[in-house]
Amino acid sequence: MLNITHLQYPSIRVLITHEANEVTAHALEFDIVSTGKDIKEAENNLCEAIVSQIVFAQSKDILDSIWHPAPKEYFDKWDNLQKAC
């Protein structure tokens, strides 16, 4: 008998913005925002925030609550950037 397992890992779209001396990373599927002094720090902080959100939701058995998308305007920004590339 063949045992098949299927896993799908969702994509997470991240908008990166630069303002003054700060970089902002916004995970659109979670509507989680993090900042840093550069892209790497902002991304690392964002990853930590996402993991914390998932761990908390799992501990409370409310994993469905983690999917809270950003407002439509941010997805529109994403789409416009994709079209420009």
PDB file of N, CA and C in Angstrom:
ATOM      1  N   MET A   1       0.842  -1.183   0.000  1.00  0.00           N
ATOM      2  CA  MET A   1       0.000   0.000   0.000  1.00  0.00           C
ATOM      3  C   MET A   1       0.890   1.250   0.000  1.00  0.00           C
ATOM      4  N   LEU A   2       0.538   2.187  -0.835  1.00  0.00           N
ATOM      5  CA  LEU A   2       1.285   3.431  -0.969  1.00  0.00           C
ATOM      6  C   LEU A   2       0.730   4.465   0.005  1.00  0.00           C
ATOM      7  N   ASN A   3       1.606   5.039   0.791  1.00  0.00           N
ATOM      8  CA  ASN A   3       1.204   6.076   1.744  1.00  0.00           C
ATOM      9  C   ASN A   3       1.680   7.416   1.201  1.00  0.00           C
ATOM     10  N   ILE A   4       0.755   8.309   0.926  1.00  0.00           N
ATOM     11  CA  ILE A   4       1.091   9.610   0.348  1.00  0.00           C
ATOM     12  C   ILE A   4       0.695  10.708   1.322  1.00  0.00           C
ATOM     13  N   THR A   5       1.613  11.611   1.511  1.00  0.00           N
ATOM     14  CA  THR A   5       1.344  12.772   2.351  1.00  0.00           C
ATOM     15  C   THR A   5       1.479  14.017   1.492  1.00  0.00           C
ATOM     16  N   HIS A   6       0.615  14.947   1.710  1.00  0.00           N
ATOM     17  CA  HIS A   6       0.645  16.182   0.931  1.00  0.00           C
ATOM     18  C   HIS A   6       0.726  17.368   1.880  1.00  0.00           C
ATOM     19  N   LEU A   7       1.734  18.169   1.694  1.00  0.00           N
ATOM     20  CA  LEU A   7       1.882  19.385   2.486  1.00  0.00           C
ATOM     21  C   LEU A   7       1.939  20.573   1.545  1.00  0.00           C
ATOM     22  N   GLN A   8       1.296  21.625   1.931  1.00  0.00           N
ATOM     23  CA  GLN A   8       1.379  22.849   1.145  1.00  0.00           C
ATOM     24  C   GLN A   8       1.738  23.981   2.084  1.00  0.00           C
ATOM     25  N   TYR A   9       2.822  24.644   1.777  1.00  0.00           N
ATOM     26  CA  TYR A   9       3.238  25.778   2.579  1.00  0.00           C
ATOM     27  C   TYR A   9       2.804  27.048   1.857  1.00  0.00           C
ATOM     28  N   PRO A  10       2.064  27.880   2.541  1.00  0.00           N
ATOM     29  CA  PRO A  10       1.566  29.084   1.872  1.00  0.00           C
ATOM     30  C   PRO A  10       2.678  30.092   1.611  1.00  0.00           C
ATOM     31  N   SER A  11       2.480  30.858   0.584  1.00  0.00           N
ATOM     32  CA  SER A  11       3.387  31.970   0.313  1.00  0.00           C
ATOM     33  C   SER A  11       2.972  33.148   1.179  1.00  0.00           C
ATOM     34  N   ILE A  12       3.945  33.891   1.587  1.00  0.00           N
ATOM     35  CA  ILE A  12       3.672  35.099   2.363  1.00  0.00           C
ATOM     36  C   ILE A  12       4.270  36.271   1.595  1.00  0.00           C
ATOM     37  N   ARG A  13       3.406  37.173   1.185  1.00  0.00           N
ATOM     38  CA  ARG A  13       3.875  38.362   0.472  1.00  0.00           C
ATOM     39  C   ARG A  13       4.292  39.415   1.492  1.00  0.00           C
ATOM     40  N   VAL A  14       5.466  39.988   1.271  1.00  0.00           N
ATOM     41  CA  VAL A  14       5.999  40.988   2.198  1.00  0.00           C
ATOM     42  C   VAL A  14       6.322  42.256   1.421  1.00  0.00           C
ATOM     43  N   LEU A  15       5.687  43.344   1.822  1.00  0.00           N
ATOM     44  CA  LEU A  15       6.000  44.657   1.259  1.00  0.00           C
ATOM     45  C   LEU A  15       7.101  45.285   2.101  1.00  0.00           C
ATOM     46  N   ILE A  16       8.132  45.761   1.445  1.00  0.00           N
ATOM     47  CA  ILE A  16       9.241  46.423   2.130  1.00  0.00           C
ATOM     48  C   ILE A  16       9.203  47.901   1.751  1.00  0.00           C
ATOM     49  N   THR A  17       9.208  48.760   2.754  1.00  0.00           N
ATOM     50  CA  THR A  17       9.263  50.196   2.494  1.00  0.00           C
ATOM     51  C   THR A  17      10.422  50.804   3.273  1.00  0.00           C
ATOM     52  N   HIS A  18      10.991  51.840   2.685  1.00  0.00           N
ATOM     53  CA  HIS A  18      12.112  52.551   3.301  1.00  0.00           C
ATOM     54  C   HIS A  18      11.653  53.971   3.608  1.00  0.00           C
ATOM     55  N   GLU A  19      11.779  54.360   4.854  1.00  0.00           N
ATOM     56  CA  GLU A  19      11.442  55.728   5.252  1.00  0.00           C
ATOM     57  C   GLU A  19      12.513  56.220   6.210  1.00  0.00           C
ATOM     58  N   ALA A  20      13.127  57.320   5.855  1.00  0.00           N
ATOM     59  CA  ALA A  20      14.193  57.910   6.676  1.00  0.00           C
ATOM     60  C   ALA A  20      15.229  56.843   7.015  1.00  0.00           C
ATOM     61  N   ASN A  21      15.422  56.561   8.280  1.00  0.00           N
ATOM     62  CA  ASN A  21      16.423  55.581   8.709  1.00  0.00           C
ATOM     63  C   ASN A  21      15.786  54.273   9.150  1.00  0.00           C
ATOM     64  N   GLU A  22      14.616  53.964   8.603  1.00  0.00           N
ATOM     65  CA  GLU A  22      13.895  52.778   9.042  1.00  0.00           C
ATOM     66  C   GLU A  22      13.340  52.013   7.841  1.00  0.00           C
ATOM     67  N   VAL A  23      13.396  50.700   7.945  1.00  0.00           N
ATOM     68  CA  VAL A  23      12.815  49.821   6.933  1.00  0.00           C
ATOM     69  C   VAL A  23      11.626  49.117   7.576  1.00  0.00           C
ATOM     70  N   THR A  24      10.519  49.069   6.850  1.00  0.00           N
ATOM     71  CA  THR A  24       9.319  48.398   7.337  1.00  0.00           C
ATOM     72  C   THR A  24       9.041  47.185   6.464  1.00  0.00           C
ATOM     73  N   ALA A  25       8.747  46.064   7.112  1.00  0.00           N
ATOM     74  CA  ALA A  25       8.364  44.834   6.422  1.00  0.00           C
ATOM     75  C   ALA A  25       6.943  44.487   6.853  1.00  0.00           C
ATOM     76  N   HIS A  26       6.062  44.310   5.879  1.00  0.00           N
ATOM     77  CA  HIS A  26       4.638  44.073   6.154  1.00  0.00           C
ATOM     78  C   HIS A  26       4.227  42.757   5.512  1.00  0.00           C
ATOM     79  N   ALA A  27       3.918  41.762   6.331  1.00  0.00           N
ATOM     80  CA  ALA A  27       3.447  40.464   5.840  1.00  0.00           C
ATOM     81  C   ALA A  27       1.952  40.582   5.555  1.00  0.00           C
ATOM     82  N   LEU A  28       1.600  40.566   4.289  1.00  0.00           N
ATOM     83  CA  LEU A  28       0.222  40.867   3.901  1.00  0.00           C
ATOM     84  C   LEU A  28      -0.781  39.810   4.348  1.00  0.00           C
ATOM     85  N   GLU A  29      -0.417  38.550   4.301  1.00  0.00           N
ATOM     86  CA  GLU A  29      -1.370  37.498   4.670  1.00  0.00           C
ATOM     87  C   GLU A  29      -1.698  37.502   6.161  1.00  0.00           C
ATOM     88  N   PHE A  30      -0.802  38.037   6.972  1.00  0.00           N
ATOM     89  CA  PHE A  30      -1.020  38.080   8.419  1.00  0.00           C
ATOM     90  C   PHE A  30      -1.328  39.487   8.928  1.00  0.00           C
ATOM     91  N   ASP A  31      -1.087  40.485   8.107  1.00  0.00           N
ATOM     92  CA  ASP A  31      -1.169  41.893   8.509  1.00  0.00           C
ATOM     93  C   ASP A  31      -0.297  42.152   9.733  1.00  0.00           C
ATOM     94  N   ILE A  32       0.919  41.632   9.660  1.00  0.00           N
ATOM     95  CA  ILE A  32       1.904  41.849  10.716  1.00  0.00           C
ATOM     96  C   ILE A  32       2.991  42.746  10.140  1.00  0.00           C
ATOM     97  N   VAL A  33       3.354  43.758  10.902  1.00  0.00           N
ATOM     98  CA  VAL A  33       4.347  44.736  10.461  1.00  0.00           C
ATOM     99  C   VAL A  33       5.510  44.740  11.442  1.00  0.00           C
ATOM    100  N   SER A  34       6.708  44.857  10.887  1.00  0.00           N
ATOM    101  CA  SER A  34       7.900  44.942  11.716  1.00  0.00           C
ATOM    102  C   SER A  34       8.852  45.949  11.090  1.00  0.00           C
ATOM    103  N   THR A  35       9.753  46.460  11.895  1.00  0.00           N
ATOM    104  CA  THR A  35      10.711  47.440  11.395  1.00  0.00           C
ATOM    105  C   THR A  35      12.133  47.024  11.751  1.00  0.00           C
ATOM    106  N   GLY A  36      13.067  47.700  11.124  1.00  0.00           N
ATOM    107  CA  GLY A  36      14.472  47.479  11.421  1.00  0.00           C
ATOM    108  C   GLY A  36      15.306  48.580  10.806  1.00  0.00           C
ATOM    109  N   LYS A  37      16.578  48.578  11.138  1.00  0.00           N
ATOM    110  CA  LYS A  37      17.464  49.613  10.598  1.00  0.00           C
ATOM    111  C   LYS A  37      17.851  49.325   9.149  1.00  0.00           C
ATOM    112  N   ASP A  38      17.676  48.058   8.730  1.00  0.00           N
ATOM    113  CA  ASP A  38      17.929  47.666   7.345  1.00  0.00           C
ATOM    114  C   ASP A  38      16.966  46.531   6.986  1.00  0.00           C
ATOM    115  N   ILE A  39      17.010  46.105   5.722  1.00  0.00           N
ATOM    116  CA  ILE A  39      16.068  45.071   5.261  1.00  0.00           C
ATOM    117  C   ILE A  39      16.236  43.784   6.052  1.00  0.00           C
ATOM    118  N   LYS A  40      17.457  43.373   6.261  1.00  0.00           N
ATOM    119  CA  LYS A  40      17.705  42.111   6.975  1.00  0.00           C
ATOM    120  C   LYS A  40      17.104  42.141   8.380  1.00  0.00           C
ATOM    121  N   GLU A  41      17.315  43.226   9.101  1.00  0.00           N
ATOM    122  CA  GLU A  41      16.768  43.320  10.458  1.00  0.00           C
ATOM    123  C   GLU A  41      15.241  43.359  10.433  1.00  0.00           C
ATOM    124  N   ALA A  42      14.669  44.098   9.495  1.00  0.00           N
ATOM    125  CA  ALA A  42      13.208  44.162   9.394  1.00  0.00           C
ATOM    126  C   ALA A  42      12.629  42.786   9.068  1.00  0.00           C
ATOM    127  N   GLU A  43      13.274  42.061   8.144  1.00  0.00           N
ATOM    128  CA  GLU A  43      12.811  40.716   7.794  1.00  0.00           C
ATOM    129  C   GLU A  43      12.947  39.760   8.975  1.00  0.00           C
ATOM    130  N   ASN A  44      14.072  39.821   9.672  1.00  0.00           N
ATOM    131  CA  ASN A  44      14.262  38.950  10.838  1.00  0.00           C
ATOM    132  C   ASN A  44      13.222  39.238  11.914  1.00  0.00           C
ATOM    133  N   ASN A  45      12.977  40.511  12.173  1.00  0.00           N
ATOM    134  CA  ASN A  45      11.970  40.882  13.166  1.00  0.00           C
ATOM    135  C   ASN A  45      10.583  40.418  12.736  1.00  0.00           C
ATOM    136  N   LEU A  46      10.314  40.515  11.441  1.00  0.00           N
ATOM    137  CA  LEU A  46       9.020  40.066  10.925  1.00  0.00           C
ATOM    138  C   LEU A  46       8.873  38.554  11.093  1.00  0.00           C
ATOM    139  N   CYS A  47       9.913  37.816  10.773  1.00  0.00           N
ATOM    140  CA  CYS A  47       9.867  36.356  10.942  1.00  0.00           C
ATOM    141  C   CYS A  47       9.605  35.984  12.393  1.00  0.00           C
ATOM    142  N   GLU A  48      10.275  36.656  13.304  1.00  0.00           N
ATOM    143  CA  GLU A  48      10.055  36.390  14.731  1.00  0.00           C
ATOM    144  C   GLU A  48       8.615  36.692  15.131  1.00  0.00           C
ATOM    145  N   ALA A  49       8.071  37.779  14.613  1.00  0.00           N
ATOM    146  CA  ALA A  49       6.690  38.143  14.944  1.00  0.00           C
ATOM    147  C   ALA A  49       5.699  37.116  14.393  1.00  0.00           C
ATOM    148  N   ILE A  50       5.939  36.647  13.181  1.00  0.00           N
ATOM    149  CA  ILE A  50       5.050  35.645  12.579  1.00  0.00           C
ATOM    150  C   ILE A  50       5.119  34.340  13.366  1.00  0.00           C
ATOM    151  N   VAL A  51       6.324  33.911  13.688  1.00  0.00           N
ATOM    152  CA  VAL A  51       6.478  32.673  14.462  1.00  0.00           C
ATOM    153  C   VAL A  51       5.792  32.811  15.817  1.00  0.00           C
ATOM    154  N   SER A  52       5.968  33.940  16.472  1.00  0.00           N
ATOM    155  CA  SER A  52       5.316  34.166  17.770  1.00  0.00           C
ATOM    156  C   SER A  52       3.803  34.094  17.646  1.00  0.00           C
ATOM    157  N   GLN A  53       3.275  34.680  16.586  1.00  0.00           N
ATOM    158  CA  GLN A  53       1.823  34.650  16.348  1.00  0.00           C
ATOM    159  C   GLN A  53       1.337  33.209  16.180  1.00  0.00           C
ATOM    160  N   ILE A  54       2.068  32.433  15.398  1.00  0.00           N
ATOM    161  CA  ILE A  54       1.671  31.045  15.143  1.00  0.00           C
ATOM    162  C   ILE A  54       1.786  30.206  16.412  1.00  0.00           C
ATOM    163  N   VAL A  55       2.876  30.361  17.141  1.00  0.00           N
ATOM    164  CA  VAL A  55       3.066  29.595  18.381  1.00  0.00           C
ATOM    165  C   VAL A  55       1.960  29.923  19.381  1.00  0.00           C
ATOM    166  N   PHE A  56       1.644  31.203  19.521  1.00  0.00           N
ATOM    167  CA  PHE A  56       0.576  31.596  20.438  1.00  0.00           C
ATOM    168  C   PHE A  56      -0.759  30.989  20.005  1.00  0.00           C
ATOM    169  N   ALA A  57      -1.078  31.119  18.716  1.00  0.00           N
ATOM    170  CA  ALA A  57      -2.349  30.581  18.217  1.00  0.00           C
ATOM    171  C   ALA A  57      -2.422  29.071  18.405  1.00  0.00           C
ATOM    172  N   GLN A  58      -1.305  28.404  18.194  1.00  0.00           N
ATOM    173  CA  GLN A  58      -1.288  26.954  18.380  1.00  0.00           C
ATOM    174  C   GLN A  58      -1.489  26.602  19.852  1.00  0.00           C
ATOM    175  N   SER A  59      -0.876  27.356  20.745  1.00  0.00           N
ATOM    176  CA  SER A  59      -1.009  27.065  22.177  1.00  0.00           C
ATOM    177  C   SER A  59      -2.436  27.274  22.672  1.00  0.00           C
ATOM    178  N   LYS A  60      -3.176  28.148  22.007  1.00  0.00           N
ATOM    179  CA  LYS A  60      -4.568  28.426  22.384  1.00  0.00           C
ATOM    180  C   LYS A  60      -5.567  27.670  21.510  1.00  0.00           C
ATOM    181  N   ASP A  61      -5.043  26.847  20.602  1.00  0.00           N
ATOM    182  CA  ASP A  61      -5.872  26.075  19.671  1.00  0.00           C
ATOM    183  C   ASP A  61      -6.777  26.984  18.840  1.00  0.00           C
ATOM    184  N   ILE A  62      -6.189  28.072  18.351  1.00  0.00           N
ATOM    185  CA  ILE A  62      -6.940  29.016  17.509  1.00  0.00           C
ATOM    186  C   ILE A  62      -6.149  29.323  16.234  1.00  0.00           C
ATOM    187  N   LEU A  63      -5.614  28.290  15.608  1.00  0.00           N
ATOM    188  CA  LEU A  63      -4.784  28.493  14.419  1.00  0.00           C
ATOM    189  C   LEU A  63      -5.520  29.206  13.287  1.00  0.00           C
ATOM    190  N   ASP A  64      -6.822  29.035  13.203  1.00  0.00           N
ATOM    191  CA  ASP A  64      -7.571  29.726  12.147  1.00  0.00           C
ATOM    192  C   ASP A  64      -7.468  31.243  12.274  1.00  0.00           C
ATOM    193  N   SER A  65      -7.173  31.723  13.462  1.00  0.00           N
ATOM    194  CA  SER A  65      -7.134  33.169  13.683  1.00  0.00           C
ATOM    195  C   SER A  65      -5.882  33.832  13.119  1.00  0.00           C
ATOM    196  N   ILE A  66      -4.879  33.059  12.727  1.00  0.00           N
ATOM    197  CA  ILE A  66      -3.642  33.687  12.254  1.00  0.00           C
ATOM    198  C   ILE A  66      -3.794  34.294  10.868  1.00  0.00           C
ATOM    199  N   TRP A  67      -4.751  33.814  10.092  1.00  0.00           N
ATOM    200  CA  TRP A  67      -4.937  34.331   8.733  1.00  0.00           C
ATOM    201  C   TRP A  67      -5.820  35.568   8.784  1.00  0.00           C
ATOM    202  N   HIS A  68      -5.176  36.680   8.968  1.00  0.00           N
ATOM    203  CA  HIS A  68      -5.870  37.964   9.048  1.00  0.00           C
ATOM    204  C   HIS A  68      -5.200  38.890   8.033  1.00  0.00           C
ATOM    205  N   PRO A  69      -5.728  38.948   6.817  1.00  0.00           N
ATOM    206  CA  PRO A  69      -5.038  39.701   5.773  1.00  0.00           C
ATOM    207  C   PRO A  69      -5.034  41.213   6.007  1.00  0.00           C
ATOM    208  N   ALA A  70      -4.029  41.826   5.433  1.00  0.00           N
ATOM    209  CA  ALA A  70      -3.910  43.286   5.475  1.00  0.00           C
ATOM    210  C   ALA A  70      -5.058  43.911   4.684  1.00  0.00           C
ATOM    211  N   PRO A  71      -5.304  45.192   4.893  1.00  0.00           N
ATOM    212  CA  PRO A  71      -6.325  45.877   4.097  1.00  0.00           C
ATOM    213  C   PRO A  71      -6.010  45.806   2.596  1.00  0.00           C
ATOM    214  N   LYS A  72      -7.045  45.886   1.802  1.00  0.00           N
ATOM    215  CA  LYS A  72      -6.942  45.743   0.348  1.00  0.00           C
ATOM    216  C   LYS A  72      -5.914  46.689  -0.269  1.00  0.00           C
ATOM    217  N   GLU A  73      -5.776  47.871   0.269  1.00  0.00           N
ATOM    218  CA  GLU A  73      -4.851  48.849  -0.320  1.00  0.00           C
ATOM    219  C   GLU A  73      -3.413  48.322  -0.378  1.00  0.00           C
ATOM    220  N   TYR A  74      -3.029  47.477   0.573  1.00  0.00           N
ATOM    221  CA  TYR A  74      -1.672  46.929   0.570  1.00  0.00           C
ATOM    222  C   TYR A  74      -1.519  45.840  -0.490  1.00  0.00           C
ATOM    223  N   PHE A  75      -2.566  45.067  -0.705  1.00  0.00           N
ATOM    224  CA  PHE A  75      -2.535  44.082  -1.785  1.00  0.00           C
ATOM    225  C   PHE A  75      -2.518  44.793  -3.139  1.00  0.00           C
ATOM    226  N   ASP A  76      -3.214  45.919  -3.231  1.00  0.00           N
ATOM    227  CA  ASP A  76      -3.176  46.717  -4.460  1.00  0.00           C
ATOM    228  C   ASP A  76      -1.762  47.236  -4.720  1.00  0.00           C
ATOM    229  N   LYS A  77      -1.087  47.688  -3.669  1.00  0.00           N
ATOM    230  CA  LYS A  77       0.305  48.130  -3.815  1.00  0.00           C
ATOM    231  C   LYS A  77       1.169  46.978  -4.316  1.00  0.00           C
ATOM    232  N   TRP A  78       0.958  45.796  -3.737  1.00  0.00           N
ATOM    233  CA  TRP A  78       1.709  44.605  -4.160  1.00  0.00           C
ATOM    234  C   TRP A  78       1.478  44.337  -5.649  1.00  0.00           C
ATOM    235  N   ASP A  79       0.205  44.341  -6.042  1.00  0.00           N
ATOM    236  CA  ASP A  79      -0.132  44.068  -7.443  1.00  0.00           C
ATOM    237  C   ASP A  79       0.502  45.093  -8.378  1.00  0.00           C
ATOM    238  N   ASN A  80       0.463  46.354  -7.995  1.00  0.00           N
ATOM    239  CA  ASN A  80       1.057  47.402  -8.830  1.00  0.00           C
ATOM    240  C   ASN A  80       2.565  47.228  -8.959  1.00  0.00           C
ATOM    241  N   LEU A  81       3.213  46.833  -7.880  1.00  0.00           N
ATOM    242  CA  LEU A  81       4.654  46.581  -7.944  1.00  0.00           C
ATOM    243  C   LEU A  81       4.967  45.389  -8.842  1.00  0.00           C
ATOM    244  N   GLN A  82       4.130  44.362  -8.784  1.00  0.00           N
ATOM    245  CA  GLN A  82       4.338  43.185  -9.631  1.00  0.00           C
ATOM    246  C   GLN A  82       4.184  43.543 -11.109  1.00  0.00           C
ATOM    247  N   LYS A  83       3.224  44.391 -11.406  1.00  0.00           N
ATOM    248  CA  LYS A  83       3.004  44.811 -12.794  1.00  0.00           C
ATOM    249  C   LYS A  83       4.166  45.657 -13.305  1.00  0.00           C
ATOM    250  N   ALA A  84       4.781  46.419 -12.409  1.00  0.00           N
ATOM    251  CA  ALA A  84       5.882  47.303 -12.800  1.00  0.00           C
ATOM    252  C   ALA A  84       7.171  46.533 -13.095  1.00  0.00           C
ATOM    253  N   CYS A  85       7.264  45.329 -12.573  1.00  0.00           N
ATOM    254  CA  CYS A  85       8.504  44.537 -12.768  1.00  0.00           C
ATOM    255  C   CYS A  85       8.548  43.856 -14.114  1.00  0.00           C
TER     256      CYS A  85
END
